[in-house]
Amino acid sequence: MTSPATNERMTRLLSLVPYLTARPEGVPLPEVARDFGVPERQLRRDLELLWMCGLPGYGPGDLIDLSFEGDRVRVTFTAGMVRPLRLTTDEAVALVVALRTLLDLPGLAEQEAVSRALAKVSAAAGHAVEGVTPVALSVDAREQTLAVVRQGLERGRALHLHYYVPTRDERTERTVDPMRLHLVDGRWYLEAWSREVAGVRLFRLDRIDDVVVLDEPAAPPPQAAPRNVESGVYRPGPDAPVVRLRLARTARWVAEYYPVEEVREVDDPPGGLAVALRTHDLAWARRLVASLGGAAAVDEPAGLAQAVAADARAALARYGA
């Protein structure tokens, strides 16, 4: 069966060529990624796949061809893929509803662009849109948060956040100087200078309980350097403690999901892996090992191994009681 992610990618690939063809001068990769709502890393994978698509024969003169100049991309051969996909009536109606909802968001950064898009889609859909029964919509809290954060960035104002820190199971208050927004693996992150810790931090928008735009300018200090999130959001520093784990076969996914420094095959447990990763938060590592339900063992540090063992004994004692 075809997964939703495969369908989405196929639709994106079919739309990329006419999108780029309409901009013969080329488009910056970050702009294309933003327009299609995917991380730049995913966009690059899509463009690499397009190089292998084309007309029957599939020789050098039959495949879609792209040209890169710096961070800009343009199409040099379309293989006939020049017409954008047509919307079905249901798709057009859904898009109109979504655009109308966007216009109701507080602090929408590109309201004029959304209004133009709504007018074009409504005109293309014709009478189908007029006959739609009005729908009562509620805006997701995360979308409201995104709108307020964008407003702060547009106005160059500081923000006050109520932020949930899952590693400590704690809700905190922060005053931050916003720098930019990232969309990484389908999640929005605010990159900002946190005044409380005097450092640059990434805040996941779905963990922000409340955000207010303050009536004071955002002023990140000169040392507030933007972070590179190309390889993922979490990049521990070289001074973070090393945690060494032995993973059973069922927990091998940990080596792919988290940034690890070392990976090697081991016979104990059979088919397992020995990995090394860094983290400043050993409490997070403690919960990770506990969540794997015996499919991971701690080799280092010794204190972490003792804490995990104590947690396991406490859990067993509860069953005994």
Protein backbone atom coordinates (compact mmCIF):
# COMPACT_ATOMS: atom_id res chain seq x y z
CA MET A 1 0.00 0.00 0.00
CA THR A 2 1.12 3.57 -0.63
CA SER A 3 1.85 5.57 2.51
CA PRO A 4 0.59 9.17 2.97
CA ALA A 5 4.21 10.36 2.97
CA THR A 6 4.77 8.75 -0.45
CA ASN A 7 1.63 10.39 -1.85
CA GLU A 8 2.74 13.77 -0.50
CA ARG A 9 6.17 13.38 -2.02
CA MET A 10 4.78 12.35 -5.40
CA THR A 11 2.51 15.41 -5.42
CA ARG A 12 5.45 17.61 -4.48
CA LEU A 13 7.66 16.17 -7.24
CA LEU A 14 4.93 16.74 -9.84
CA SER A 15 4.58 20.34 -8.69
CA LEU A 16 8.28 21.19 -8.37
CA VAL A 17 9.06 21.24 -12.10
CA PRO A 18 6.30 23.69 -13.20
CA TYR A 19 7.05 25.78 -10.08
CA LEU A 20 10.71 26.11 -11.10
CA THR A 21 9.86 26.51 -14.78
CA ALA A 22 7.79 29.60 -13.93
CA ARG A 23 10.97 31.13 -12.44
CA PRO A 24 13.58 30.77 -15.20
CA GLU A 25 16.04 32.99 -13.37
CA GLY A 26 16.29 30.38 -10.60
CA VAL A 27 15.03 30.27 -7.01
CA PRO A 28 17.04 30.09 -3.75
CA LEU A 29 16.74 26.63 -2.19
CA PRO A 30 15.59 27.98 1.20
CA GLU A 31 12.75 29.82 -0.56
CA VAL A 32 11.65 26.68 -2.44
CA ALA A 33 11.73 24.65 0.79
CA ARG A 34 9.64 27.28 2.56
CA ASP A 35 7.06 27.45 -0.26
CA PHE A 36 6.64 23.67 -0.25
CA GLY A 37 6.69 23.41 3.55
CA VAL A 38 9.57 20.94 3.82
CA PRO A 39 13.07 21.11 5.34
CA GLU A 40 15.83 22.05 2.89
CA ARG A 41 17.40 18.62 3.45
CA GLN A 42 14.20 16.94 2.17
CA LEU A 43 14.00 19.34 -0.77
CA ARG A 44 17.53 18.39 -1.84
CA ARG A 45 16.55 14.70 -1.75
CA ASP A 46 13.51 15.51 -3.93
CA LEU A 47 15.66 17.35 -6.47
CA GLU A 48 18.13 14.45 -6.59
CA LEU A 49 15.21 12.12 -7.35
CA LEU A 50 13.96 14.39 -10.15
CA TRP A 51 17.28 13.88 -11.93
CA MET A 52 16.26 10.23 -12.39
CA CYS A 53 12.78 11.01 -13.80
CA GLY A 54 11.90 11.68 -17.40
CA LEU A 55 10.69 10.25 -20.69
CA PRO A 56 10.85 6.61 -21.86
CA GLY A 57 14.31 5.78 -23.04
CA TYR A 58 15.71 7.40 -19.90
CA GLY A 59 18.89 8.48 -21.62
CA PRO A 60 20.77 11.70 -20.79
CA GLY A 61 18.55 13.67 -23.18
CA ASP A 62 15.32 12.25 -21.76
CA LEU A 63 15.66 12.98 -18.04
CA ILE A 64 14.67 16.14 -16.18
CA ASP A 65 17.72 18.36 -15.84
CA LEU A 66 18.44 20.95 -13.16
CA SER A 67 21.11 23.60 -12.82
CA PHE A 68 22.56 24.87 -9.54
CA GLU A 69 24.30 28.22 -9.16
CA GLY A 70 25.27 28.81 -5.56
CA ASP A 71 22.10 28.20 -3.54
CA ARG A 72 19.80 28.81 -6.53
CA VAL A 73 18.18 26.09 -8.63
CA ARG A 74 16.49 26.22 -12.03
CA VAL A 75 15.14 23.72 -14.55
CA THR A 76 17.01 23.38 -17.86
CA PHE A 77 14.94 20.48 -19.27
CA THR A 78 11.36 19.75 -18.17
CA ALA A 79 10.70 16.45 -19.97
CA GLY A 80 7.22 17.83 -20.71
CA MET A 81 6.25 18.45 -17.08
CA VAL A 82 5.22 22.08 -17.57
CA ARG A 83 1.59 22.11 -16.41
CA PRO A 84 0.81 22.46 -12.68
CA LEU A 85 -1.51 19.88 -11.13
CA ARG A 86 -5.21 20.73 -11.36
CA LEU A 87 -7.19 20.89 -8.14
CA THR A 88 -10.27 18.73 -7.79
CA THR A 89 -13.42 20.43 -6.48
CA ASP A 90 -12.91 18.92 -3.03
CA GLU A 91 -9.27 20.05 -2.95
CA ALA A 92 -10.20 23.58 -4.02
CA VAL A 93 -12.92 23.84 -1.37
CA ALA A 94 -10.55 22.53 1.33
CA LEU A 95 -7.91 25.04 0.25
CA VAL A 96 -10.39 27.93 0.35
CA VAL A 97 -11.47 26.93 3.87
CA ALA A 98 -7.83 26.72 4.98
CA LEU A 99 -6.96 30.13 3.48
CA ARG A 100 -9.98 31.77 5.12
CA THR A 101 -8.89 30.27 8.43
CA LEU A 102 -5.38 31.66 7.95
CA LEU A 103 -6.78 35.14 7.40
CA ASP A 104 -8.44 34.94 10.82
CA LEU A 105 -5.15 34.21 12.58
CA PRO A 106 -3.89 37.02 14.81
CA GLY A 107 -0.67 38.58 13.58
CA LEU A 108 -0.49 36.74 10.25
CA ALA A 109 2.80 37.84 8.69
CA GLU A 110 1.81 37.53 4.99
CA GLN A 111 -1.86 38.49 5.03
CA GLU A 112 -1.72 40.17 1.63
CA ALA A 113 -0.22 37.07 -0.02
CA VAL A 114 -2.87 34.84 1.57
CA SER A 115 -5.63 37.18 0.36
CA ARG A 116 -4.30 37.03 -3.20
CA ALA A 117 -4.07 33.25 -3.08
CA LEU A 118 -7.63 33.02 -1.73
CA ALA A 119 -8.95 35.21 -4.56
CA LYS A 120 -7.20 33.10 -7.22
CA VAL A 121 -8.35 29.75 -5.83
CA SER A 122 -11.92 31.03 -5.34
CA ALA A 123 -12.01 32.28 -8.93
CA ALA A 124 -10.68 28.95 -10.24
CA ALA A 125 -13.16 26.92 -8.17
CA GLY A 126 -16.07 29.05 -9.36
CA HIS A 127 -19.58 28.12 -8.18
CA ALA A 128 -18.33 25.13 -6.18
CA VAL A 129 -17.05 27.46 -3.47
CA GLU A 130 -20.24 29.50 -3.38
CA GLY A 131 -22.31 26.44 -2.57
CA VAL A 132 -20.20 25.36 0.39
CA THR A 133 -22.05 25.22 3.69
CA PRO A 134 -20.35 27.49 6.24
CA VAL A 135 -18.07 25.53 8.54
CA ALA A 136 -17.28 26.47 12.12
CA LEU A 137 -13.52 26.31 12.55
CA SER A 138 -11.31 26.49 15.60
CA VAL A 139 -7.69 27.51 15.13
CA ASP A 140 -5.13 25.15 16.63
CA ALA A 141 -3.23 26.67 19.55
CA ARG A 142 0.07 25.93 17.80
CA GLU A 143 -1.02 28.01 14.81
CA GLN A 144 -1.89 30.88 17.13
CA THR A 145 1.53 30.57 18.75
CA LEU A 146 3.19 30.62 15.32
CA ALA A 147 1.23 33.75 14.38
CA VAL A 148 2.24 35.61 17.55
CA VAL A 149 5.91 34.58 17.21
CA ARG A 150 5.91 35.77 13.59
CA GLN A 151 4.41 39.04 14.73
CA GLY A 152 7.25 39.50 17.20
CA LEU A 153 9.83 38.77 14.51
CA GLU A 154 8.19 41.13 12.02
CA ARG A 155 8.00 43.96 14.55
CA GLY A 156 11.42 43.27 16.05
CA ARG A 157 10.00 42.89 19.57
CA ALA A 158 10.98 40.69 22.51
CA LEU A 159 8.71 37.82 23.57
CA HIS A 160 7.63 36.45 26.94
CA LEU A 161 7.09 32.67 26.90
CA HIS A 162 5.57 30.04 29.17
CA TYR A 163 7.59 27.02 28.03
CA TYR A 164 7.37 23.34 28.95
CA VAL A 165 10.71 21.54 29.40
CA PRO A 166 9.96 17.81 29.03
CA THR A 167 13.38 16.64 30.26
CA ARG A 168 12.62 18.20 33.66
CA ASP A 169 8.82 17.94 33.45
CA GLU A 170 8.75 21.64 34.28
CA ARG A 171 7.01 24.75 33.02
CA THR A 172 9.22 27.82 32.88
CA GLU A 173 8.91 31.50 32.04
CA ARG A 174 11.38 33.05 29.62
CA THR A 175 11.94 36.47 28.14
CA VAL A 176 13.65 36.02 24.77
CA ASP A 177 14.92 38.05 21.85
CA PRO A 178 13.62 36.22 18.75
CA MET A 179 16.07 35.65 15.89
CA ARG A 180 14.36 33.38 13.32
CA LEU A 181 11.97 30.46 12.78
CA HIS A 182 12.94 26.96 11.62
CA LEU A 183 10.78 24.18 10.20
CA VAL A 184 12.61 20.91 10.94
CA ASP A 185 11.06 17.49 10.33
CA GLY A 186 7.56 18.96 10.32
CA ARG A 187 7.97 20.93 13.57
CA TRP A 188 8.35 24.69 14.06
CA TYR A 189 11.17 25.98 16.26
CA LEU A 190 11.87 29.51 17.46
CA GLU A 191 15.56 30.36 17.62
CA ALA A 192 16.04 33.10 20.19
CA TRP A 193 18.44 34.60 22.72
CA SER A 194 17.25 33.51 26.16
CA ARG A 195 17.96 36.25 28.67
CA GLU A 196 17.64 33.88 31.63
CA VAL A 197 20.49 31.60 30.51
CA ALA A 198 22.35 34.19 28.40
CA GLY A 199 22.52 31.92 25.36
CA VAL A 200 20.87 30.97 22.08
CA ARG A 201 18.14 28.37 22.48
CA LEU A 202 15.64 26.57 20.23
CA PHE A 203 12.05 26.50 21.49
CA ARG A 204 9.60 24.01 20.00
CA LEU A 205 6.40 25.91 19.30
CA ASP A 206 4.14 23.04 20.38
CA ARG A 207 5.73 23.27 23.85
CA ILE A 208 4.96 26.98 24.24
CA ASP A 209 1.86 27.27 26.45
CA ASP A 210 1.57 31.04 26.11
CA VAL A 211 3.46 33.78 24.28
CA VAL A 212 3.12 37.57 24.41
CA VAL A 213 4.78 40.22 22.27
CA LEU A 214 6.44 42.75 24.60
CA ASP A 215 6.59 46.48 24.01
CA GLU A 216 10.39 46.50 23.93
CA PRO A 217 12.78 45.89 21.05
CA ALA A 218 14.42 42.52 20.52
CA ALA A 219 18.17 42.95 20.96
CA PRO A 220 20.17 39.71 20.62
CA PRO A 221 23.78 40.45 21.63
CA PRO A 222 26.62 40.19 19.07
CA GLN A 223 27.61 36.75 20.36
CA ALA A 224 24.15 35.34 19.56
CA ALA A 225 25.27 33.26 16.57
CA PRO A 226 22.57 31.39 14.59
CA ARG A 227 22.70 27.60 14.86
CA ASN A 228 23.07 25.23 11.92
CA VAL A 229 20.08 22.87 11.95
CA GLU A 230 20.84 21.16 8.61
CA SER A 231 21.82 17.96 10.41
CA GLY A 232 19.08 18.13 13.02
CA VAL A 233 18.00 20.27 15.93
CA TYR A 234 19.93 18.61 18.74
CA ARG A 235 23.70 19.03 18.44
CA PRO A 236 25.43 18.54 21.84
CA GLY A 237 28.66 20.38 22.51
CA PRO A 238 32.04 18.64 22.76
CA ASP A 239 32.07 19.26 26.52
CA ALA A 240 28.86 17.25 27.09
CA PRO A 241 29.34 13.97 29.00
CA VAL A 242 29.58 10.78 26.93
CA VAL A 243 26.94 8.09 27.49
CA ARG A 244 27.80 4.57 26.27
CA LEU A 245 24.93 2.15 25.70
CA ARG A 246 24.57 -1.42 24.47
CA LEU A 247 21.37 -1.77 22.48
CA ALA A 248 19.43 -4.95 21.77
CA ARG A 249 18.24 -5.64 18.23
CA THR A 250 14.84 -4.07 18.99
CA ALA A 251 16.51 -0.80 20.10
CA ARG A 252 18.87 -0.32 17.14
CA TRP A 253 16.66 2.57 16.00
CA VAL A 254 18.23 4.73 18.74
CA ALA A 255 21.43 4.96 16.66
CA GLU A 256 19.45 6.40 13.73
CA TYR A 257 17.13 8.67 15.70
CA TYR A 258 19.70 10.40 17.93
CA PRO A 259 23.10 11.93 16.98
CA VAL A 260 25.67 9.33 18.04
CA GLU A 261 29.45 9.60 17.89
CA GLU A 262 30.30 5.89 17.75
CA VAL A 263 28.42 2.84 16.48
CA ARG A 264 29.70 -0.73 16.34
CA GLU A 265 28.14 -4.17 16.08
CA VAL A 266 28.29 -6.39 19.21
CA ASP A 267 27.47 -10.03 19.99
CA ASP A 268 26.17 -9.24 23.48
CA PRO A 269 23.28 -8.83 23.11
CA PRO A 270 23.03 -10.82 19.85
CA GLY A 271 22.50 -8.52 16.87
CA GLY A 272 22.98 -5.49 19.08
CA LEU A 273 24.88 -2.23 18.84
CA ALA A 274 27.27 -0.37 21.10
CA VAL A 275 26.77 3.38 20.76
CA ALA A 276 28.21 6.52 22.30
CA LEU A 277 26.31 9.79 22.45
CA ARG A 278 26.72 13.07 24.29
CA THR A 279 24.18 14.90 26.43
CA HIS A 280 24.27 17.55 29.14
CA ASP A 281 21.05 16.10 30.55
CA LEU A 282 21.73 12.72 32.16
CA ALA A 283 18.15 12.70 33.44
CA TRP A 284 17.05 12.49 29.79
CA ALA A 285 19.42 9.55 29.20
CA ARG A 286 18.04 7.90 32.33
CA ARG A 287 14.48 8.14 31.00
CA LEU A 288 15.57 6.96 27.55
CA VAL A 289 17.10 3.77 28.94
CA ALA A 290 14.09 3.17 31.19
CA SER A 291 11.70 3.63 28.24
CA LEU A 292 13.50 0.90 26.28
CA GLY A 293 12.29 -1.67 28.79
CA GLY A 294 15.46 -3.72 29.16
CA ALA A 295 16.55 -3.40 25.53
CA ALA A 296 19.44 -1.12 26.56
CA ALA A 297 22.24 -1.41 29.10
CA VAL A 298 24.43 1.44 30.37
CA ASP A 299 28.20 0.94 30.20
CA GLU A 300 29.17 4.53 31.09
CA PRO A 301 28.91 6.63 33.16
CA ALA A 302 28.72 4.44 36.26
CA GLY A 303 26.42 6.89 38.04
CA LEU A 304 23.87 6.63 35.25
CA ALA A 305 23.97 2.83 35.36
CA GLN A 306 23.38 2.89 39.12
CA ALA A 307 20.47 5.33 38.76
CA VAL A 308 18.81 3.16 36.07
CA ALA A 309 19.26 0.06 38.23
CA ALA A 310 17.70 1.87 41.21
CA ASP A 311 14.74 2.90 39.05
CA ALA A 312 14.25 -0.71 37.92
CA ARG A 313 14.38 -2.02 41.50
CA ALA A 314 11.86 0.60 42.62
CA ALA A 315 9.50 -0.38 39.79
CA LEU A 316 9.78 -4.07 40.68
CA ALA A 317 9.13 -3.29 44.33
CA ARG A 318 5.84 -1.63 43.36
CA TYR A 319 4.75 -4.80 41.58
CA GLY A 320 5.70 -6.82 44.66
CA ALA A 321 3.58 -4.58 46.87
